[in-house]
Amino acid sequence: MNSMADSISSGLAIRARGLTKDFGHVVAVNNLDLDVPHSRIYGFLGPNGSGKSTFLKTILEQLQPLLGEIKLGASLDLAYFAEAHDKLHPDKTGLDEPLEQKKMIISEARNY
């Protein structure tokens, strides 16, 4: 996968081309082409096991793609809270996590 330093069109936050990720015999993401413009919010919807978390973890370089490439915009700031909350701390509040992840002030975290 390409690093965050790789540049793409200035209007894009994420570009994926031919992205494929599998787990043995199960293909989680298959030949995905995707352009995500800056200043947009996207949601990934689908049933359990359809590849949503796998795609996000591949963007974050927590997983390596089988095929294809992902390029990230230069000023992109990524954060991901796992569905199972395996990285969240049970003693922290709902505001604590975004405050630590995005290094924002409390009023920004409340709006977030």
PDB file of N, CA and C in Angstrom:
ATOM      1  N   MET A   1       0.850  -1.164   0.000  1.00  0.00           N
ATOM      2  CA  MET A   1       0.000   0.000   0.000  1.00  0.00           C
ATOM      3  C   MET A   1       0.898   1.231   0.000  1.00  0.00           C
ATOM      4  N   ASN A   2       0.384   2.298  -0.543  1.00  0.00           N
ATOM      5  CA  ASN A   2       1.128   3.538  -0.583  1.00  0.00           C
ATOM      6  C   ASN A   2       0.963   4.287   0.728  1.00  0.00           C
ATOM      7  N   SER A   3       1.975   5.067   1.063  1.00  0.00           N
ATOM      8  CA  SER A   3       1.949   5.783   2.333  1.00  0.00           C
ATOM      9  C   SER A   3       1.181   7.083   2.196  1.00  0.00           C
ATOM     10  N   MET A   4       0.935   7.732   3.329  1.00  0.00           N
ATOM     11  CA  MET A   4       0.219   8.996   3.341  1.00  0.00           C
ATOM     12  C   MET A   4       0.970  10.070   2.574  1.00  0.00           C
ATOM     13  N   ALA A   5       2.290   9.930   2.403  1.00  0.00           N
ATOM     14  CA  ALA A   5       3.082  10.928   1.709  1.00  0.00           C
ATOM     15  C   ALA A   5       2.803  10.930   0.208  1.00  0.00           C
ATOM     16  N   ASP A   6       2.282   9.847  -0.335  1.00  0.00           N
ATOM     17  CA  ASP A   6       1.951   9.801  -1.755  1.00  0.00           C
ATOM     18  C   ASP A   6       0.833  10.795  -2.023  1.00  0.00           C
ATOM     19  N   SER A   7       0.991  11.576  -3.107  1.00  0.00           N
ATOM     20  CA  SER A   7      -0.011  12.588  -3.375  1.00  0.00           C
ATOM     21  C   SER A   7      -1.046  12.086  -4.368  1.00  0.00           C
ATOM     22  N   ILE A   8      -2.245  12.636  -4.230  1.00  0.00           N
ATOM     23  CA  ILE A   8      -3.332  12.389  -5.164  1.00  0.00           C
ATOM     24  C   ILE A   8      -3.921  13.744  -5.503  1.00  0.00           C
ATOM     25  N   SER A   9      -4.912  13.776  -6.350  1.00  0.00           N
ATOM     26  CA  SER A   9      -5.569  15.017  -6.724  1.00  0.00           C
ATOM     27  C   SER A   9      -5.919  15.818  -5.478  1.00  0.00           C
ATOM     28  N   SER A  10      -5.726  17.123  -5.535  1.00  0.00           N
ATOM     29  CA  SER A  10      -5.953  17.959  -4.352  1.00  0.00           C
ATOM     30  C   SER A  10      -7.396  17.927  -3.871  1.00  0.00           C
ATOM     31  N   GLY A  11      -8.334  17.531  -4.720  1.00  0.00           N
ATOM     32  CA  GLY A  11      -9.729  17.469  -4.305  1.00  0.00           C
ATOM     33  C   GLY A  11     -10.122  16.166  -3.656  1.00  0.00           C
ATOM     34  N   LEU A  12      -9.179  15.214  -3.564  1.00  0.00           N
ATOM     35  CA  LEU A  12      -9.503  13.896  -3.023  1.00  0.00           C
ATOM     36  C   LEU A  12      -8.832  13.654  -1.676  1.00  0.00           C
ATOM     37  N   ALA A  13      -9.566  13.009  -0.773  1.00  0.00           N
ATOM     38  CA  ALA A  13      -9.016  12.582   0.509  1.00  0.00           C
ATOM     39  C   ALA A  13      -8.475  11.159   0.404  1.00  0.00           C
ATOM     40  N   ILE A  14      -9.198  10.296  -0.331  1.00  0.00           N
ATOM     41  CA  ILE A  14      -8.817   8.884  -0.474  1.00  0.00           C
ATOM     42  C   ILE A  14      -9.081   8.451  -1.907  1.00  0.00           C
ATOM     43  N   ARG A  15      -8.142   7.696  -2.469  1.00  0.00           N
ATOM     44  CA  ARG A  15      -8.344   7.052  -3.768  1.00  0.00           C
ATOM     45  C   ARG A  15      -7.924   5.592  -3.625  1.00  0.00           C
ATOM     46  N   ALA A  16      -8.829   4.680  -3.943  1.00  0.00           N
ATOM     47  CA  ALA A  16      -8.527   3.246  -3.953  1.00  0.00           C
ATOM     48  C   ALA A  16      -8.706   2.738  -5.379  1.00  0.00           C
ATOM     49  N   ARG A  17      -7.782   1.894  -5.834  1.00  0.00           N
ATOM     50  CA  ARG A  17      -7.855   1.316  -7.169  1.00  0.00           C
ATOM     51  C   ARG A  17      -7.567  -0.171  -7.085  1.00  0.00           C
ATOM     52  N   GLY A  18      -8.538  -0.962  -7.507  1.00  0.00           N
ATOM     53  CA  GLY A  18      -8.360  -2.410  -7.563  1.00  0.00           C
ATOM     54  C   GLY A  18      -8.116  -3.057  -6.221  1.00  0.00           C
ATOM     55  N   LEU A  19      -8.589  -2.409  -5.152  1.00  0.00           N
ATOM     56  CA  LEU A  19      -8.317  -2.894  -3.792  1.00  0.00           C
ATOM     57  C   LEU A  19      -9.012  -4.232  -3.547  1.00  0.00           C
ATOM     58  N   THR A  20      -8.223  -5.210  -3.166  1.00  0.00           N
ATOM     59  CA  THR A  20      -8.735  -6.544  -2.859  1.00  0.00           C
ATOM     60  C   THR A  20      -8.083  -7.019  -1.573  1.00  0.00           C
ATOM     61  N   LYS A  21      -8.887  -7.545  -0.665  1.00  0.00           N
ATOM     62  CA  LYS A  21      -8.392  -8.094   0.596  1.00  0.00           C
ATOM     63  C   LYS A  21      -9.167  -9.359   0.895  1.00  0.00           C
ATOM     64  N   ASP A  22      -8.446 -10.414   1.206  1.00  0.00           N
ATOM     65  CA  ASP A  22      -9.117 -11.665   1.552  1.00  0.00           C
ATOM     66  C   ASP A  22      -8.561 -12.214   2.850  1.00  0.00           C
ATOM     67  N   PHE A  23      -9.286 -13.158   3.399  1.00  0.00           N
ATOM     68  CA  PHE A  23      -8.861 -13.905   4.579  1.00  0.00           C
ATOM     69  C   PHE A  23      -8.977 -15.378   4.217  1.00  0.00           C
ATOM     70  N   GLY A  24      -7.928 -15.899   3.571  1.00  0.00           N
ATOM     71  CA  GLY A  24      -7.983 -17.281   3.117  1.00  0.00           C
ATOM     72  C   GLY A  24      -8.977 -17.435   1.988  1.00  0.00           C
ATOM     73  N   HIS A  25     -10.042 -18.155   2.227  1.00  0.00           N
ATOM     74  CA  HIS A  25     -11.047 -18.416   1.198  1.00  0.00           C
ATOM     75  C   HIS A  25     -12.162 -17.377   1.149  1.00  0.00           C
ATOM     76  N   VAL A  26     -12.162 -16.416   2.059  1.00  0.00           N
ATOM     77  CA  VAL A  26     -13.209 -15.403   2.113  1.00  0.00           C
ATOM     78  C   VAL A  26     -12.664 -14.070   1.590  1.00  0.00           C
ATOM     79  N   VAL A  27     -13.290 -13.538   0.539  1.00  0.00           N
ATOM     80  CA  VAL A  27     -12.906 -12.236  -0.004  1.00  0.00           C
ATOM     81  C   VAL A  27     -13.743 -11.169   0.694  1.00  0.00           C
ATOM     82  N   ALA A  28     -13.070 -10.265   1.428  1.00  0.00           N
ATOM     83  CA  ALA A  28     -13.779  -9.229   2.183  1.00  0.00           C
ATOM     84  C   ALA A  28     -13.980  -7.962   1.350  1.00  0.00           C
ATOM     85  N   VAL A  29     -13.003  -7.607   0.531  1.00  0.00           N
ATOM     86  CA  VAL A  29     -13.075  -6.457  -0.371  1.00  0.00           C
ATOM     87  C   VAL A  29     -12.579  -6.953  -1.712  1.00  0.00           C
ATOM     88  N   ASN A  30     -13.370  -6.728  -2.776  1.00  0.00           N
ATOM     89  CA  ASN A  30     -13.025  -7.305  -4.068  1.00  0.00           C
ATOM     90  C   ASN A  30     -12.957  -6.243  -5.161  1.00  0.00           C
ATOM     91  N   ASN A  31     -11.727  -5.924  -5.600  1.00  0.00           N
ATOM     92  CA  ASN A  31     -11.495  -5.057  -6.755  1.00  0.00           C
ATOM     93  C   ASN A  31     -12.215  -3.711  -6.622  1.00  0.00           C
ATOM     94  N   LEU A  32     -12.071  -3.064  -5.482  1.00  0.00           N
ATOM     95  CA  LEU A  32     -12.761  -1.809  -5.189  1.00  0.00           C
ATOM     96  C   LEU A  32     -12.032  -0.620  -5.806  1.00  0.00           C
ATOM     97  N   ASP A  33     -12.770   0.203  -6.542  1.00  0.00           N
ATOM     98  CA  ASP A  33     -12.312   1.509  -7.001  1.00  0.00           C
ATOM     99  C   ASP A  33     -13.161   2.544  -6.286  1.00  0.00           C
ATOM    100  N   LEU A  34     -12.517   3.522  -5.644  1.00  0.00           N
ATOM    101  CA  LEU A  34     -13.260   4.498  -4.849  1.00  0.00           C
ATOM    102  C   LEU A  34     -12.501   5.807  -4.803  1.00  0.00           C
ATOM    103  N   ASP A  35     -13.195   6.920  -5.030  1.00  0.00           N
ATOM    104  CA  ASP A  35     -12.664   8.256  -4.822  1.00  0.00           C
ATOM    105  C   ASP A  35     -13.512   8.930  -3.757  1.00  0.00           C
ATOM    106  N   VAL A  36     -12.868   9.393  -2.685  1.00  0.00           N
ATOM    107  CA  VAL A  36     -13.566  10.095  -1.607  1.00  0.00           C
ATOM    108  C   VAL A  36     -13.081  11.540  -1.619  1.00  0.00           C
ATOM    109  N   PRO A  37     -13.959  12.479  -2.012  1.00  0.00           N
ATOM    110  CA  PRO A  37     -13.557  13.890  -2.034  1.00  0.00           C
ATOM    111  C   PRO A  37     -13.329  14.434  -0.628  1.00  0.00           C
ATOM    112  N   HIS A  38     -12.474  15.470  -0.537  1.00  0.00           N
ATOM    113  CA  HIS A  38     -12.307  16.193   0.729  1.00  0.00           C
ATOM    114  C   HIS A  38     -13.642  16.805   1.139  1.00  0.00           C
ATOM    115  N   SER A  39     -13.805  17.065   2.404  1.00  0.00           N
ATOM    116  CA  SER A  39     -14.981  17.742   2.974  1.00  0.00           C
ATOM    117  C   SER A  39     -16.276  16.971   2.761  1.00  0.00           C
ATOM    118  N   ARG A  40     -16.179  15.664   2.697  1.00  0.00           N
ATOM    119  CA  ARG A  40     -17.367  14.831   2.576  1.00  0.00           C
ATOM    120  C   ARG A  40     -17.375  13.831   3.722  1.00  0.00           C
ATOM    121  N   ILE A  41     -18.558  13.399   4.101  1.00  0.00           N
ATOM    122  CA  ILE A  41     -18.705  12.372   5.122  1.00  0.00           C
ATOM    123  C   ILE A  41     -19.332  11.158   4.457  1.00  0.00           C
ATOM    124  N   TYR A  42     -18.734  10.003   4.656  1.00  0.00           N
ATOM    125  CA  TYR A  42     -19.247   8.773   4.067  1.00  0.00           C
ATOM    126  C   TYR A  42     -19.539   7.764   5.159  1.00  0.00           C
ATOM    127  N   GLY A  43     -20.536   6.967   4.937  1.00  0.00           N
ATOM    128  CA  GLY A  43     -20.846   5.849   5.811  1.00  0.00           C
ATOM    129  C   GLY A  43     -20.778   4.573   5.001  1.00  0.00           C
ATOM    130  N   PHE A  44     -20.296   3.522   5.601  1.00  0.00           N
ATOM    131  CA  PHE A  44     -20.223   2.224   4.950  1.00  0.00           C
ATOM    132  C   PHE A  44     -21.259   1.328   5.612  1.00  0.00           C
ATOM    133  N   LEU A  45     -22.259   0.948   4.854  1.00  0.00           N
ATOM    134  CA  LEU A  45     -23.355   0.153   5.371  1.00  0.00           C
ATOM    135  C   LEU A  45     -23.320  -1.240   4.769  1.00  0.00           C
ATOM    136  N   GLY A  46     -23.681  -2.216   5.576  1.00  0.00           N
ATOM    137  CA  GLY A  46     -23.756  -3.582   5.087  1.00  0.00           C
ATOM    138  C   GLY A  46     -23.862  -4.540   6.253  1.00  0.00           C
ATOM    139  N   PRO A  47     -24.221  -5.772   5.941  1.00  0.00           N
ATOM    140  CA  PRO A  47     -24.356  -6.764   7.007  1.00  0.00           C
ATOM    141  C   PRO A  47     -23.006  -7.125   7.617  1.00  0.00           C
ATOM    142  N   ASN A  48     -23.041  -7.739   8.789  1.00  0.00           N
ATOM    143  CA  ASN A  48     -21.819  -8.219   9.419  1.00  0.00           C
ATOM    144  C   ASN A  48     -21.075  -9.132   8.453  1.00  0.00           C
ATOM    145  N   GLY A  49     -19.769  -8.950   8.401  1.00  0.00           N
ATOM    146  CA  GLY A  49     -18.945  -9.798   7.546  1.00  0.00           C
ATOM    147  C   GLY A  49     -18.871  -9.357   6.101  1.00  0.00           C
ATOM    148  N   SER A  50     -19.409  -8.175   5.775  1.00  0.00           N
ATOM    149  CA  SER A  50     -19.410  -7.744   4.381  1.00  0.00           C
ATOM    150  C   SER A  50     -18.169  -6.965   3.974  1.00  0.00           C
ATOM    151  N   GLY A  51     -17.242  -6.665   4.918  1.00  0.00           N
ATOM    152  CA  GLY A  51     -15.971  -6.027   4.565  1.00  0.00           C
ATOM    153  C   GLY A  51     -15.813  -4.579   4.982  1.00  0.00           C
ATOM    154  N   LYS A  52     -16.769  -4.021   5.723  1.00  0.00           N
ATOM    155  CA  LYS A  52     -16.694  -2.615   6.128  1.00  0.00           C
ATOM    156  C   LYS A  52     -15.468  -2.339   6.991  1.00  0.00           C
ATOM    157  N   SER A  53     -15.315  -3.080   8.064  1.00  0.00           N
ATOM    158  CA  SER A  53     -14.172  -2.872   8.965  1.00  0.00           C
ATOM    159  C   SER A  53     -12.859  -3.229   8.278  1.00  0.00           C
ATOM    160  N   THR A  54     -12.882  -4.244   7.447  1.00  0.00           N
ATOM    161  CA  THR A  54     -11.672  -4.637   6.715  1.00  0.00           C
ATOM    162  C   THR A  54     -11.215  -3.501   5.814  1.00  0.00           C
ATOM    163  N   PHE A  55     -12.145  -2.867   5.118  1.00  0.00           N
ATOM    164  CA  PHE A  55     -11.796  -1.740   4.265  1.00  0.00           C
ATOM    165  C   PHE A  55     -11.184  -0.614   5.087  1.00  0.00           C
ATOM    166  N   LEU A  56     -11.811  -0.245   6.195  1.00  0.00           N
ATOM    167  CA  LEU A  56     -11.286   0.839   7.031  1.00  0.00           C
ATOM    168  C   LEU A  56      -9.920   0.494   7.615  1.00  0.00           C
ATOM    169  N   LYS A  57      -9.733  -0.728   8.053  1.00  0.00           N
ATOM    170  CA  LYS A  57      -8.437  -1.136   8.602  1.00  0.00           C
ATOM    171  C   LYS A  57      -7.358  -1.155   7.526  1.00  0.00           C
ATOM    172  N   THR A  58      -7.739  -1.422   6.290  1.00  0.00           N
ATOM    173  CA  THR A  58      -6.777  -1.392   5.191  1.00  0.00           C
ATOM    174  C   THR A  58      -6.363   0.043   4.901  1.00  0.00           C
ATOM    175  N   ILE A  59      -7.312   0.978   4.924  1.00  0.00           N
ATOM    176  CA  ILE A  59      -6.978   2.391   4.749  1.00  0.00           C
ATOM    177  C   ILE A  59      -6.011   2.854   5.834  1.00  0.00           C
ATOM    178  N   LEU A  60      -6.231   2.399   7.063  1.00  0.00           N
ATOM    179  CA  LEU A  60      -5.395   2.802   8.203  1.00  0.00           C
ATOM    180  C   LEU A  60      -4.070   2.050   8.265  1.00  0.00           C
ATOM    181  N   GLU A  61      -3.833   1.166   7.288  1.00  0.00           N
ATOM    182  CA  GLU A  61      -2.619   0.353   7.207  1.00  0.00           C
ATOM    183  C   GLU A  61      -2.479  -0.623   8.368  1.00  0.00           C
ATOM    184  N   GLN A  62      -3.603  -0.985   8.998  1.00  0.00           N
ATOM    185  CA  GLN A  62      -3.594  -2.041   9.999  1.00  0.00           C
ATOM    186  C   GLN A  62      -3.626  -3.404   9.328  1.00  0.00           C
ATOM    187  N   LEU A  63      -4.121  -3.446   8.082  1.00  0.00           N
ATOM    188  CA  LEU A  63      -4.125  -4.647   7.255  1.00  0.00           C
ATOM    189  C   LEU A  63      -3.524  -4.296   5.906  1.00  0.00           C
ATOM    190  N   GLN A  64      -2.841  -5.240   5.302  1.00  0.00           N
ATOM    191  CA  GLN A  64      -2.276  -5.039   3.974  1.00  0.00           C
ATOM    192  C   GLN A  64      -3.226  -5.612   2.924  1.00  0.00           C
ATOM    193  N   PRO A  65      -3.423  -4.891   1.802  1.00  0.00           N
ATOM    194  CA  PRO A  65      -4.289  -5.423   0.753  1.00  0.00           C
ATOM    195  C   PRO A  65      -3.629  -6.596   0.043  1.00  0.00           C
ATOM    196  N   LEU A  66      -4.436  -7.489  -0.487  1.00  0.00           N
ATOM    197  CA  LEU A  66      -3.932  -8.571  -1.314  1.00  0.00           C
ATOM    198  C   LEU A  66      -3.495  -8.007  -2.661  1.00  0.00           C
ATOM    199  N   LEU A  67      -4.314  -7.133  -3.229  1.00  0.00           N
ATOM    200  CA  LEU A  67      -4.053  -6.483  -4.511  1.00  0.00           C
ATOM    201  C   LEU A  67      -4.520  -5.039  -4.446  1.00  0.00           C
ATOM    202  N   GLY A  68      -4.036  -4.230  -5.365  1.00  0.00           N
ATOM    203  CA  GLY A  68      -4.499  -2.859  -5.498  1.00  0.00           C
ATOM    204  C   GLY A  68      -3.705  -1.892  -4.656  1.00  0.00           C
ATOM    205  N   GLU A  69      -4.187  -0.649  -4.659  1.00  0.00           N
ATOM    206  CA  GLU A  69      -3.489   0.395  -3.921  1.00  0.00           C
ATOM    207  C   GLU A  69      -4.468   1.397  -3.334  1.00  0.00           C
ATOM    208  N   ILE A  70      -4.007   2.049  -2.291  1.00  0.00           N
ATOM    209  CA  ILE A  70      -4.746   3.141  -1.665  1.00  0.00           C
ATOM    210  C   ILE A  70      -3.794   4.317  -1.564  1.00  0.00           C
ATOM    211  N   LYS A  71      -4.283   5.482  -1.947  1.00  0.00           N
ATOM    212  CA  LYS A  71      -3.519   6.718  -1.778  1.00  0.00           C
ATOM    213  C   LYS A  71      -4.356   7.656  -0.921  1.00  0.00           C
ATOM    214  N   LEU A  72      -3.689   8.301   0.022  1.00  0.00           N
ATOM    215  CA  LEU A  72      -4.364   9.206   0.951  1.00  0.00           C
ATOM    216  C   LEU A  72      -3.933  10.633   0.683  1.00  0.00           C
ATOM    217  N   GLY A  73      -4.858  11.567   0.857  1.00  0.00           N
ATOM    218  CA  GLY A  73      -4.552  12.975   0.699  1.00  0.00           C
ATOM    219  C   GLY A  73      -3.539  13.447   1.731  1.00  0.00           C
ATOM    220  N   ALA A  74      -2.804  14.489   1.376  1.00  0.00           N
ATOM    221  CA  ALA A  74      -1.703  14.967   2.209  1.00  0.00           C
ATOM    222  C   ALA A  74      -2.154  15.470   3.577  1.00  0.00           C
ATOM    223  N   SER A  75      -3.312  16.091   3.674  1.00  0.00           N
ATOM    224  CA  SER A  75      -3.744  16.669   4.951  1.00  0.00           C
ATOM    225  C   SER A  75      -4.809  15.829   5.643  1.00  0.00           C
ATOM    226  N   LEU A  76      -4.893  14.578   5.295  1.00  0.00           N
ATOM    227  CA  LEU A  76      -5.920  13.706   5.860  1.00  0.00           C
ATOM    228  C   LEU A  76      -5.565  13.308   7.291  1.00  0.00           C
ATOM    229  N   ASP A  77      -6.546  13.395   8.185  1.00  0.00           N
ATOM    230  CA  ASP A  77      -6.384  12.999   9.574  1.00  0.00           C
ATOM    231  C   ASP A  77      -7.403  11.904   9.857  1.00  0.00           C
ATOM    232  N   LEU A  78      -6.935  10.667  10.018  1.00  0.00           N
ATOM    233  CA  LEU A  78      -7.824   9.518  10.167  1.00  0.00           C
ATOM    234  C   LEU A  78      -7.991   9.104  11.616  1.00  0.00           C
ATOM    235  N   ALA A  79      -9.184   8.679  11.962  1.00  0.00           N
ATOM    236  CA  ALA A  79      -9.463   8.085  13.262  1.00  0.00           C
ATOM    237  C   ALA A  79     -10.504   6.994  13.055  1.00  0.00           C
ATOM    238  N   TYR A  80     -10.407   5.937  13.831  1.00  0.00           N
ATOM    239  CA  TYR A  80     -11.312   4.800  13.675  1.00  0.00           C
ATOM    240  C   TYR A  80     -11.593   4.212  15.043  1.00  0.00           C
ATOM    241  N   PHE A  81     -12.873   4.086  15.376  1.00  0.00           N
ATOM    242  CA  PHE A  81     -13.270   3.407  16.596  1.00  0.00           C
ATOM    243  C   PHE A  81     -13.852   2.069  16.193  1.00  0.00           C
ATOM    244  N   ALA A  82     -13.236   0.998  16.636  1.00  0.00           N
ATOM    245  CA  ALA A  82     -13.637  -0.350  16.237  1.00  0.00           C
ATOM    246  C   ALA A  82     -15.054  -0.664  16.693  1.00  0.00           C
ATOM    247  N   GLU A  83     -15.745  -1.420  15.865  1.00  0.00           N
ATOM    248  CA  GLU A  83     -17.122  -1.827  16.159  1.00  0.00           C
ATOM    249  C   GLU A  83     -17.207  -2.529  17.513  1.00  0.00           C
ATOM    250  N   ALA A  84     -16.221  -3.367  17.786  1.00  0.00           N
ATOM    251  CA  ALA A  84     -16.216  -4.125  19.040  1.00  0.00           C
ATOM    252  C   ALA A  84     -15.584  -3.328  20.180  1.00  0.00           C
ATOM    253  N   HIS A  85     -15.138  -2.119  19.888  1.00  0.00           N
ATOM    254  CA  HIS A  85     -14.522  -1.249  20.904  1.00  0.00           C
ATOM    255  C   HIS A  85     -13.306  -1.898  21.556  1.00  0.00           C
ATOM    256  N   ASP A  86     -12.572  -2.691  20.790  1.00  0.00           N
ATOM    257  CA  ASP A  86     -11.433  -3.402  21.365  1.00  0.00           C
ATOM    258  C   ASP A  86     -10.275  -2.485  21.733  1.00  0.00           C
ATOM    259  N   LYS A  87     -10.257  -1.260  21.243  1.00  0.00           N
ATOM    260  CA  LYS A  87      -9.183  -0.321  21.573  1.00  0.00           C
ATOM    261  C   LYS A  87      -9.633   0.773  22.537  1.00  0.00           C
ATOM    262  N   LEU A  88     -10.907   0.798  22.894  1.00  0.00           N
ATOM    263  CA  LEU A  88     -11.421   1.822  23.798  1.00  0.00           C
ATOM    264  C   LEU A  88     -11.188   1.414  25.247  1.00  0.00           C
ATOM    265  N   HIS A  89     -11.025   2.409  26.095  1.00  0.00           N
ATOM    266  CA  HIS A  89     -10.797   2.160  27.512  1.00  0.00           C
ATOM    267  C   HIS A  89     -12.114   2.301  28.269  1.00  0.00           C
ATOM    268  N   PRO A  90     -12.517   1.294  29.033  1.00  0.00           N
ATOM    269  CA  PRO A  90     -13.818   1.328  29.705  1.00  0.00           C
ATOM    270  C   PRO A  90     -13.943   2.413  30.765  1.00  0.00           C
ATOM    271  N   ASP A  91     -12.830   2.948  31.258  1.00  0.00           N
ATOM    272  CA  ASP A  91     -12.905   3.968  32.297  1.00  0.00           C
ATOM    273  C   ASP A  91     -12.955   5.390  31.724  1.00  0.00           C
ATOM    274  N   LYS A  92     -12.969   5.537  30.396  1.00  0.00           N
ATOM    275  CA  LYS A  92     -13.027   6.857  29.782  1.00  0.00           C
ATOM    276  C   LYS A  92     -14.445   7.172  29.333  1.00  0.00           C
ATOM    277  N   THR A  93     -14.739   8.470  29.255  1.00  0.00           N
ATOM    278  CA  THR A  93     -16.061   8.913  28.803  1.00  0.00           C
ATOM    279  C   THR A  93     -16.118   8.956  27.276  1.00  0.00           C
ATOM    280  N   GLY A  94     -17.319   9.198  26.755  1.00  0.00           N
ATOM    281  CA  GLY A  94     -17.495   9.329  25.316  1.00  0.00           C
ATOM    282  C   GLY A  94     -16.751  10.517  24.735  1.00  0.00           C
ATOM    283  N   LEU A  95     -16.450  11.517  25.543  1.00  0.00           N
ATOM    284  CA  LEU A  95     -15.659  12.662  25.083  1.00  0.00           C
ATOM    285  C   LEU A  95     -14.159  12.394  25.152  1.00  0.00           C
ATOM    286  N   ASP A  96     -13.732  11.541  26.087  1.00  0.00           N
ATOM    287  CA  ASP A  96     -12.299  11.291  26.258  1.00  0.00           C
ATOM    288  C   ASP A  96     -11.650  10.729  24.998  1.00  0.00           C
ATOM    289  N   GLU A  97     -12.313   9.786  24.342  1.00  0.00           N
ATOM    290  CA  GLU A  97     -11.710   9.137  23.176  1.00  0.00           C
ATOM    291  C   GLU A  97     -11.454  10.098  22.017  1.00  0.00           C
ATOM    292  N   PRO A  98     -12.460  10.872  21.560  1.00  0.00           N
ATOM    293  CA  PRO A  98     -12.138  11.802  20.474  1.00  0.00           C
ATOM    294  C   PRO A  98     -11.138  12.875  20.891  1.00  0.00           C
ATOM    295  N   LEU A  99     -11.176  13.294  22.167  1.00  0.00           N
ATOM    296  CA  LEU A  99     -10.205  14.285  22.637  1.00  0.00           C
ATOM    297  C   LEU A  99      -8.776  13.759  22.498  1.00  0.00           C
ATOM    298  N   GLU A 100      -8.563  12.491  22.769  1.00  0.00           N
ATOM    299  CA  GLU A 100      -7.233  11.903  22.647  1.00  0.00           C
ATOM    300  C   GLU A 100      -6.877  11.579  21.204  1.00  0.00           C
ATOM    301  N   GLN A 101      -7.839  11.094  20.450  1.00  0.00           N
ATOM    302  CA  GLN A 101      -7.564  10.666  19.078  1.00  0.00           C
ATOM    303  C   GLN A 101      -7.304  11.834  18.140  1.00  0.00           C
ATOM    304  N   LYS A 102      -8.066  12.894  18.267  1.00  0.00           N
ATOM    305  CA  LYS A 102      -7.975  13.991  17.317  1.00  0.00           C
ATOM    306  C   LYS A 102      -7.312  15.238  17.901  1.00  0.00           C
ATOM    307  N   LYS A 103      -6.913  15.191  19.163  1.00  0.00           N
ATOM    308  CA  LYS A 103      -6.242  16.325  19.803  1.00  0.00           C
ATOM    309  C   LYS A 103      -7.008  17.627  19.591  1.00  0.00           C
ATOM    310  N   MET A 104      -8.268  17.640  20.021  1.00  0.00           N
ATOM    311  CA  MET A 104      -9.122  18.807  19.871  1.00  0.00           C
ATOM    312  C   MET A 104      -9.530  19.328  21.240  1.00  0.00           C
ATOM    313  N   ILE A 105     -10.058  20.545  21.249  1.00  0.00           N
ATOM    314  CA  ILE A 105     -10.558  21.103  22.505  1.00  0.00           C
ATOM    315  C   ILE A 105     -11.944  20.533  22.777  1.00  0.00           C
ATOM    316  N   ILE A 106     -12.386  20.642  24.014  1.00  0.00           N
ATOM    317  CA  ILE A 106     -13.608  19.968  24.440  1.00  0.00           C
ATOM    318  C   ILE A 106     -14.848  20.439  23.659  1.00  0.00           C
ATOM    319  N   SER A 107     -14.936  21.718  23.319  1.00  0.00           N
ATOM    320  CA  SER A 107     -16.098  22.179  22.548  1.00  0.00           C
ATOM    321  C   SER A 107     -16.124  21.554  21.163  1.00  0.00           C
ATOM    322  N   GLU A 108     -14.961  21.359  20.544  1.00  0.00           N
ATOM    323  CA  GLU A 108     -14.901  20.692  19.245  1.00  0.00           C
ATOM    324  C   GLU A 108     -15.306  19.223  19.373  1.00  0.00           C
ATOM    325  N   ALA A 109     -14.877  18.581  20.467  1.00  0.00           N
ATOM    326  CA  ALA A 109     -15.218  17.178  20.688  1.00  0.00           C
ATOM    327  C   ALA A 109     -16.727  17.001  20.881  1.00  0.00           C
ATOM    328  N   ARG A 110     -17.346  17.930  21.576  1.00  0.00           N
ATOM    329  CA  ARG A 110     -18.805  17.849  21.763  1.00  0.00           C
ATOM    330  C   ARG A 110     -19.519  17.992  20.419  1.00  0.00           C
ATOM    331  N   ASN A 111     -19.074  18.894  19.573  1.00  0.00           N
ATOM    332  CA  ASN A 111     -19.675  19.046  18.246  1.00  0.00           C
ATOM    333  C   ASN A 111     -19.410  17.827  17.372  1.00  0.00           C
ATOM    334  N   TYR A 112     -18.235  17.236  17.536  1.00  0.00           N
ATOM    335  CA  TYR A 112     -17.862  16.056  16.753  1.00  0.00           C
ATOM    336  C   TYR A 112     -18.765  14.904  17.069  1.00  0.00           C
TER     337      TYR A 112
END
